[in-house]
Amino acid sequence: MGRFRTALAMLLLGAGQAAAAQHGRAPLPYPVHTDEWSYTDALGGVWAYRQCGYRARPAVLLELNGELQRLEAEAASKGLGPVLERVRRRYQEILAFALLRGCGGEPHPVRAALVRARAGLAAFRAWVEAQPSAPPAPPPGN
């Protein structure tokens, strides 16, 4: 059964890389969403790296958390706060029943978790940047 899973994973990975190459972009090292659900990829990736505990580099974790907070602030400035709240709430509902293993990805779990975090943040950044800016607020008193 292990060989079948490995073959299937390699087939899917190859297909994903070929599709990315056709669209003129480098394939991401981790499958991510390209819509508002990319926020869950960012949250999950940062969480996975955080679970590496003492093996995670504190400076890198600060960098990842800072990037996530900057992207959340940028999304909120574009009026996407309610979308993020809805996605976060739904994600938490899913996680309530999920069995997750943080800092996974043998043989180099810390590196795999970091790759996942950076891929999730990149997908979330691309989605946030693609969203139009919120219209300016009306002047006070109108």
Protein backbone atom coordinates (compact mmCIF):
# COMPACT_ATOMS: atom_id res chain seq x y z
CA MET A 1 0.00 0.00 0.00
CA GLY A 2 2.93 2.34 0.72
CA ARG A 3 4.25 2.10 -2.83
CA PHE A 4 0.83 2.87 -4.24
CA ARG A 5 0.55 6.02 -2.11
CA THR A 6 4.04 7.11 -3.06
CA ALA A 7 3.33 6.57 -6.77
CA LEU A 8 0.03 8.44 -6.52
CA ALA A 9 1.66 11.34 -4.66
CA MET A 10 4.43 11.57 -7.26
CA LEU A 11 1.92 11.48 -10.08
CA LEU A 12 -0.16 14.26 -8.53
CA LEU A 13 2.91 16.32 -7.69
CA GLY A 14 4.17 15.97 -11.25
CA ALA A 15 0.81 16.99 -12.67
CA GLY A 16 0.69 20.03 -10.40
CA GLN A 17 4.20 21.08 -11.36
CA ALA A 18 3.41 20.65 -15.05
CA ALA A 19 0.27 22.80 -14.70
CA ALA A 20 2.24 25.48 -12.87
CA ALA A 21 4.91 25.46 -15.57
CA GLN A 22 2.23 25.86 -18.27
CA HIS A 23 0.99 29.00 -16.52
CA GLY A 24 4.51 30.43 -16.34
CA ARG A 25 4.98 30.20 -12.56
CA ALA A 26 7.18 28.07 -10.37
CA PRO A 27 5.33 25.28 -8.58
CA LEU A 28 4.85 25.69 -4.85
CA PRO A 29 6.50 23.04 -2.72
CA TYR A 30 3.24 22.42 -0.86
CA PRO A 31 -0.30 22.28 -2.28
CA VAL A 32 -2.14 25.45 -1.33
CA HIS A 33 -5.42 27.19 -2.04
CA THR A 34 -5.65 30.15 -4.40
CA ASP A 35 -8.76 31.74 -2.91
CA GLU A 36 -9.81 33.02 0.52
CA TRP A 37 -9.05 29.57 1.93
CA SER A 38 -5.36 30.33 1.40
CA TYR A 39 -5.73 31.94 4.83
CA THR A 40 -6.08 28.43 6.29
CA ASP A 41 -2.88 27.40 4.51
CA ALA A 42 -1.06 30.30 6.16
CA LEU A 43 -2.56 29.59 9.59
CA GLY A 44 -1.84 25.87 9.34
CA GLY A 45 1.69 26.36 8.06
CA VAL A 46 2.66 28.77 10.82
CA TRP A 47 1.03 26.45 13.38
CA ALA A 48 2.99 23.46 12.07
CA TYR A 49 6.29 25.32 12.37
CA ARG A 50 5.39 26.51 15.87
CA GLN A 51 4.83 22.86 16.86
CA CYS A 52 8.48 22.11 16.18
CA GLY A 53 9.15 23.60 19.61
CA TYR A 54 12.79 23.90 20.55
CA ARG A 55 13.82 22.75 17.06
CA ALA A 56 12.16 25.77 15.45
CA ARG A 57 14.34 28.85 15.18
CA PRO A 58 12.81 31.69 17.27
CA ALA A 59 13.81 34.36 14.74
CA VAL A 60 12.11 32.45 11.93
CA LEU A 61 8.97 31.94 14.01
CA LEU A 62 8.86 35.69 14.75
CA GLU A 63 9.27 36.37 11.02
CA LEU A 64 6.42 33.98 10.12
CA ASN A 65 4.10 35.39 12.80
CA GLY A 66 4.93 38.94 11.73
CA GLU A 67 4.20 38.17 8.08
CA LEU A 68 0.88 36.56 9.01
CA GLN A 69 -0.11 39.58 11.11
CA ARG A 70 0.90 42.01 8.33
CA LEU A 71 -1.17 40.09 5.79
CA GLU A 72 -4.16 39.96 8.15
CA ALA A 73 -3.88 43.74 8.64
CA GLU A 74 -3.60 44.32 4.89
CA ALA A 75 -6.64 42.12 4.28
CA ALA A 76 -8.60 43.98 6.96
CA SER A 77 -7.63 47.32 5.40
CA LYS A 78 -9.17 46.07 2.16
CA GLY A 79 -12.42 45.29 3.95
CA LEU A 80 -11.77 41.55 4.10
CA GLY A 81 -11.97 41.27 7.89
CA PRO A 82 -15.40 39.58 7.83
CA VAL A 83 -14.17 37.10 5.20
CA LEU A 84 -11.14 36.20 7.33
CA GLU A 85 -13.32 35.84 10.41
CA ARG A 86 -15.71 33.51 8.56
CA VAL A 87 -12.86 31.40 7.16
CA ARG A 88 -11.09 31.29 10.55
CA ARG A 89 -14.31 30.23 12.30
CA ARG A 90 -14.98 27.48 9.74
CA TYR A 91 -11.36 26.33 9.94
CA GLN A 92 -11.60 26.09 13.74
CA GLU A 93 -14.78 24.03 13.39
CA ILE A 94 -12.93 21.62 11.11
CA LEU A 95 -9.91 21.49 13.43
CA ALA A 96 -12.12 20.59 16.36
CA PHE A 97 -12.45 17.13 14.80
CA ALA A 98 -9.05 16.85 13.14
CA LEU A 99 -6.08 14.86 14.30
CA LEU A 100 -3.07 16.94 13.34
CA ARG A 101 0.57 16.26 13.61
CA GLY A 102 2.60 19.42 13.78
CA CYS A 103 6.19 19.61 12.67
CA GLY A 104 5.80 16.57 10.43
CA GLY A 105 7.41 15.73 7.13
CA GLU A 106 10.17 13.23 7.62
CA PRO A 107 13.11 13.00 7.27
CA HIS A 108 13.54 16.74 7.98
CA PRO A 109 10.41 17.80 9.91
CA VAL A 110 11.50 21.33 10.80
CA ARG A 111 12.46 22.11 7.22
CA ALA A 112 9.20 20.58 5.93
CA ALA A 113 7.17 22.64 8.40
CA LEU A 114 9.00 25.80 7.35
CA VAL A 115 8.38 25.05 3.67
CA ARG A 116 4.68 24.54 4.44
CA ALA A 117 4.50 27.81 6.39
CA ARG A 118 6.20 29.83 3.67
CA ALA A 119 4.07 28.28 0.92
CA GLY A 120 0.88 29.01 2.88
CA LEU A 121 1.94 32.60 3.51
CA ALA A 122 2.86 33.06 -0.15
CA ALA A 123 -0.55 31.82 -1.26
CA PHE A 124 -2.32 34.03 1.29
CA ARG A 125 -0.20 37.04 0.23
CA ALA A 126 -1.04 36.45 -3.43
CA TRP A 127 -4.76 36.29 -2.65
CA VAL A 128 -4.71 39.41 -0.45
CA GLU A 129 -2.72 41.40 -3.01
CA ALA A 130 -5.13 40.37 -5.78
CA GLN A 131 -8.12 41.77 -3.89
CA PRO A 132 -9.26 45.31 -4.70
CA SER A 133 -8.78 47.99 -2.08
CA ALA A 134 -11.78 48.94 0.00
CA PRO A 135 -13.50 52.15 -1.08
CA PRO A 136 -12.54 55.15 1.02
CA ALA A 137 -14.71 55.79 4.05
CA PRO A 138 -17.12 58.71 3.75
CA PRO A 139 -16.02 61.86 5.58
CA PRO A 140 -17.31 62.19 9.16
CA GLY A 141 -20.69 63.80 9.48
CA ASN A 142 -22.08 62.54 6.15
